[in-house]
């Protein structure tokens, strides 16, 4: 999806579970990402369509939203910008 919408250029880091050998909702994947980017969890925005993954991200201290599709993601991103 990132290449489809031209998002690769927007983000500094990209994480693919098959590349790092970890899968959501395992807490280790969130720890890996946080260590790799060097930011505190409260500085991270996370969007997913799966409630279990969103709950796991929140458990790791990450701001997380459950979304369905790009329009919902866009709305949640705008909402998160206002609330943070």
N, C-alpha and C. Protein backbone atom coordinates (compact mmCIF):
# COMPACT_ATOMS: atom_id res chain seq x y z
N UNK A 1 0.82 -1.18 0.00
CA UNK A 1 0.00 0.00 0.00
C UNK A 1 0.87 1.26 0.00
N UNK A 2 2.01 1.22 0.67
CA UNK A 2 2.84 2.42 0.71
C UNK A 2 3.31 2.86 -0.66
N UNK A 3 3.67 1.91 -1.51
CA UNK A 3 4.10 2.28 -2.85
C UNK A 3 2.92 2.70 -3.72
N UNK A 4 1.77 2.07 -3.51
CA UNK A 4 0.57 2.40 -4.28
C UNK A 4 0.16 3.85 -4.08
N UNK A 5 0.32 4.36 -2.86
CA UNK A 5 -0.08 5.73 -2.55
C UNK A 5 1.10 6.68 -2.44
N UNK A 6 2.29 6.23 -2.83
CA UNK A 6 3.47 7.09 -2.79
C UNK A 6 3.93 7.43 -1.39
N UNK A 7 3.72 6.53 -0.44
CA UNK A 7 4.06 6.82 0.94
C UNK A 7 5.50 6.48 1.32
N UNK A 8 6.20 5.73 0.48
CA UNK A 8 7.59 5.37 0.80
C UNK A 8 8.43 6.62 1.03
N UNK A 9 8.19 7.66 0.27
CA UNK A 9 8.95 8.89 0.40
C UNK A 9 8.54 9.70 1.62
N UNK A 10 7.36 9.42 2.15
CA UNK A 10 6.82 10.17 3.27
C UNK A 10 7.44 9.74 4.60
N UNK A 11 7.79 8.45 4.71
CA UNK A 11 8.26 7.91 5.98
C UNK A 11 9.74 7.58 5.93
N UNK A 12 10.40 7.79 7.06
CA UNK A 12 11.84 7.51 7.17
C UNK A 12 12.13 6.02 7.31
N UNK A 13 11.20 5.26 7.87
CA UNK A 13 11.41 3.84 8.14
C UNK A 13 10.23 3.03 7.63
N UNK A 14 10.53 1.82 7.21
CA UNK A 14 9.50 0.87 6.78
C UNK A 14 9.83 -0.47 7.42
N UNK A 15 8.83 -1.15 7.96
CA UNK A 15 9.05 -2.43 8.63
C UNK A 15 8.09 -3.46 8.05
N UNK A 16 8.65 -4.54 7.58
CA UNK A 16 7.86 -5.64 7.02
C UNK A 16 8.12 -6.88 7.86
N UNK A 17 7.05 -7.50 8.34
CA UNK A 17 7.20 -8.63 9.27
C UNK A 17 8.06 -9.75 8.69
N UNK A 18 7.93 -10.02 7.41
CA UNK A 18 8.72 -11.11 6.83
C UNK A 18 10.20 -10.77 6.79
N UNK A 19 10.54 -9.49 6.79
CA UNK A 19 11.95 -9.10 6.79
C UNK A 19 12.57 -9.16 8.19
N UNK A 20 11.79 -8.83 9.21
CA UNK A 20 12.35 -8.81 10.56
C UNK A 20 12.03 -10.07 11.35
N UNK A 21 11.19 -10.93 10.82
CA UNK A 21 10.90 -12.21 11.46
C UNK A 21 10.01 -12.13 12.68
N UNK A 22 9.22 -11.07 12.78
CA UNK A 22 8.28 -10.90 13.88
C UNK A 22 6.92 -10.53 13.30
N UNK A 23 5.87 -10.89 14.03
CA UNK A 23 4.52 -10.59 13.54
C UNK A 23 3.68 -9.94 14.63
N UNK A 24 2.79 -9.07 14.21
CA UNK A 24 1.81 -8.50 15.13
C UNK A 24 0.85 -9.63 15.51
N UNK A 25 0.36 -9.66 16.69
CA UNK A 25 0.42 -8.66 17.75
C UNK A 25 1.54 -8.89 18.78
N UNK A 26 2.52 -9.69 18.46
CA UNK A 26 3.64 -9.95 19.37
C UNK A 26 4.28 -8.63 19.81
N UNK A 27 4.42 -8.44 21.11
CA UNK A 27 5.01 -7.21 21.64
C UNK A 27 6.44 -6.99 21.13
N UNK A 28 7.12 -8.06 20.77
CA UNK A 28 8.50 -7.94 20.30
C UNK A 28 8.61 -7.11 19.01
N UNK A 29 7.60 -7.17 18.16
CA UNK A 29 7.67 -6.39 16.93
C UNK A 29 7.60 -4.89 17.24
N UNK A 30 6.80 -4.52 18.22
CA UNK A 30 6.71 -3.12 18.59
C UNK A 30 8.01 -2.66 19.26
N UNK A 31 8.59 -3.51 20.10
CA UNK A 31 9.88 -3.19 20.73
C UNK A 31 10.96 -3.02 19.66
N UNK A 32 10.96 -3.91 18.67
CA UNK A 32 11.93 -3.83 17.58
C UNK A 32 11.82 -2.50 16.84
N UNK A 33 10.62 -2.13 16.50
CA UNK A 33 10.39 -0.88 15.77
C UNK A 33 10.82 0.32 16.61
N UNK A 34 10.44 0.34 17.87
CA UNK A 34 10.81 1.46 18.74
C UNK A 34 12.32 1.59 18.88
N UNK A 35 13.00 0.47 19.03
CA UNK A 35 14.47 0.51 19.13
C UNK A 35 15.09 0.97 17.82
N UNK A 36 14.55 0.50 16.70
CA UNK A 36 15.12 0.83 15.39
C UNK A 36 14.99 2.32 15.06
N UNK A 37 13.88 2.92 15.45
CA UNK A 37 13.68 4.32 15.11
C UNK A 37 14.17 5.28 16.19
N UNK A 38 14.38 4.76 17.39
CA UNK A 38 14.93 5.58 18.46
C UNK A 38 13.99 6.64 19.01
N UNK A 39 12.69 6.36 18.97
CA UNK A 39 11.72 7.30 19.52
C UNK A 39 10.93 6.62 20.63
N UNK A 40 10.44 7.43 21.56
CA UNK A 40 9.59 6.92 22.62
C UNK A 40 8.24 6.51 22.03
N UNK A 41 7.59 5.51 22.62
CA UNK A 41 6.32 5.02 22.06
C UNK A 41 5.25 6.10 21.94
N UNK A 42 5.24 7.05 22.85
CA UNK A 42 4.20 8.08 22.80
C UNK A 42 4.38 9.05 21.63
N UNK A 43 5.50 8.95 20.91
CA UNK A 43 5.73 9.78 19.72
C UNK A 43 5.32 9.07 18.43
N UNK A 44 4.77 7.86 18.56
CA UNK A 44 4.44 7.04 17.40
C UNK A 44 2.94 7.02 17.17
N UNK A 45 2.53 7.10 15.90
CA UNK A 45 1.14 6.91 15.49
C UNK A 45 1.06 5.59 14.75
N UNK A 46 0.07 4.79 15.10
CA UNK A 46 -0.08 3.46 14.52
C UNK A 46 -1.53 3.27 14.08
N UNK A 47 -1.72 2.81 12.85
CA UNK A 47 -3.06 2.58 12.30
C UNK A 47 -3.14 1.15 11.81
N UNK A 48 -4.24 0.46 12.14
CA UNK A 48 -4.41 -0.93 11.72
C UNK A 48 -5.91 -1.21 11.66
N UNK A 49 -6.28 -2.18 10.84
CA UNK A 49 -7.69 -2.56 10.75
C UNK A 49 -8.05 -3.69 11.70
N UNK A 50 -7.08 -4.20 12.44
CA UNK A 50 -7.29 -5.34 13.33
C UNK A 50 -7.24 -4.87 14.78
N UNK A 51 -8.35 -5.05 15.50
CA UNK A 51 -8.45 -4.60 16.90
C UNK A 51 -7.35 -5.21 17.77
N UNK A 52 -7.01 -6.46 17.57
CA UNK A 52 -5.98 -7.13 18.38
C UNK A 52 -4.64 -6.42 18.21
N UNK A 53 -4.30 -6.05 16.99
CA UNK A 53 -3.04 -5.35 16.74
C UNK A 53 -3.04 -3.95 17.34
N UNK A 54 -4.16 -3.27 17.25
CA UNK A 54 -4.29 -1.94 17.84
C UNK A 54 -4.13 -2.02 19.36
N UNK A 55 -4.77 -3.00 19.98
CA UNK A 55 -4.64 -3.18 21.42
C UNK A 55 -3.20 -3.49 21.82
N UNK A 56 -2.52 -4.30 21.02
CA UNK A 56 -1.12 -4.64 21.30
C UNK A 56 -0.23 -3.40 21.20
N UNK A 57 -0.47 -2.57 20.20
CA UNK A 57 0.31 -1.34 20.06
C UNK A 57 0.06 -0.42 21.25
N UNK A 58 -1.18 -0.31 21.66
CA UNK A 58 -1.50 0.53 22.83
C UNK A 58 -0.82 -0.01 24.08
N UNK A 59 -0.78 -1.33 24.22
CA UNK A 59 -0.11 -1.95 25.36
C UNK A 59 1.37 -1.57 25.38
N UNK A 60 1.96 -1.37 24.21
CA UNK A 60 3.36 -0.96 24.10
C UNK A 60 3.54 0.54 24.32
N UNK A 61 2.43 1.27 24.56
CA UNK A 61 2.51 2.70 24.81
C UNK A 61 2.39 3.57 23.58
N UNK A 62 2.02 2.97 22.46
CA UNK A 62 1.92 3.66 21.18
C UNK A 62 0.50 4.20 20.99
N UNK A 63 0.38 5.40 20.43
CA UNK A 63 -0.93 5.94 20.06
C UNK A 63 -1.43 5.13 18.87
N UNK A 64 -2.55 4.43 19.04
CA UNK A 64 -3.01 3.52 17.99
C UNK A 64 -4.49 3.71 17.71
N UNK A 65 -4.86 3.58 16.43
CA UNK A 65 -6.24 3.71 15.99
C UNK A 65 -6.61 2.53 15.10
N UNK A 66 -7.84 2.07 15.28
CA UNK A 66 -8.37 1.05 14.37
C UNK A 66 -9.05 1.78 13.22
N UNK A 67 -8.67 1.42 12.01
CA UNK A 67 -9.19 2.08 10.82
C UNK A 67 -9.63 1.05 9.80
N UNK A 68 -10.48 1.51 8.88
CA UNK A 68 -10.93 0.66 7.78
C UNK A 68 -10.79 1.46 6.49
N UNK A 69 -9.73 1.22 5.76
CA UNK A 69 -9.52 1.87 4.47
C UNK A 69 -8.79 3.19 4.59
N UNK A 70 -8.42 3.72 3.43
CA UNK A 70 -7.62 4.94 3.37
C UNK A 70 -8.38 6.18 3.86
N UNK A 71 -9.67 6.29 3.57
CA UNK A 71 -10.42 7.46 4.03
C UNK A 71 -10.48 7.51 5.54
N UNK A 72 -10.72 6.35 6.16
CA UNK A 72 -10.76 6.26 7.62
C UNK A 72 -9.38 6.56 8.20
N UNK A 73 -8.34 6.07 7.56
CA UNK A 73 -6.98 6.34 8.02
C UNK A 73 -6.69 7.83 7.95
N UNK A 74 -7.05 8.45 6.86
CA UNK A 74 -6.84 9.89 6.69
C UNK A 74 -7.57 10.67 7.78
N UNK A 75 -8.83 10.33 8.04
CA UNK A 75 -9.61 11.00 9.07
C UNK A 75 -8.98 10.81 10.45
N UNK A 76 -8.54 9.60 10.74
CA UNK A 76 -7.91 9.32 12.03
C UNK A 76 -6.59 10.06 12.18
N UNK A 77 -5.86 10.18 11.09
CA UNK A 77 -4.59 10.91 11.13
C UNK A 77 -4.84 12.39 11.43
N UNK A 78 -5.84 12.97 10.79
CA UNK A 78 -6.19 14.37 11.06
C UNK A 78 -6.66 14.54 12.50
N UNK A 79 -7.47 13.60 12.98
CA UNK A 79 -7.96 13.64 14.36
C UNK A 79 -6.80 13.52 15.35
N UNK A 80 -5.86 12.62 15.06
CA UNK A 80 -4.72 12.42 15.96
C UNK A 80 -3.87 13.68 16.02
N UNK A 81 -3.74 14.37 14.91
CA UNK A 81 -2.94 15.59 14.86
C UNK A 81 -3.53 16.66 15.79
N UNK A 82 -4.85 16.71 15.86
CA UNK A 82 -5.52 17.69 16.71
C UNK A 82 -5.38 17.35 18.19
N UNK A 83 -5.37 16.04 18.50
CA UNK A 83 -5.38 15.62 19.90
C UNK A 83 -4.00 15.46 20.51
N UNK A 84 -2.95 15.47 19.69
CA UNK A 84 -1.60 15.26 20.25
C UNK A 84 -0.86 16.55 20.47
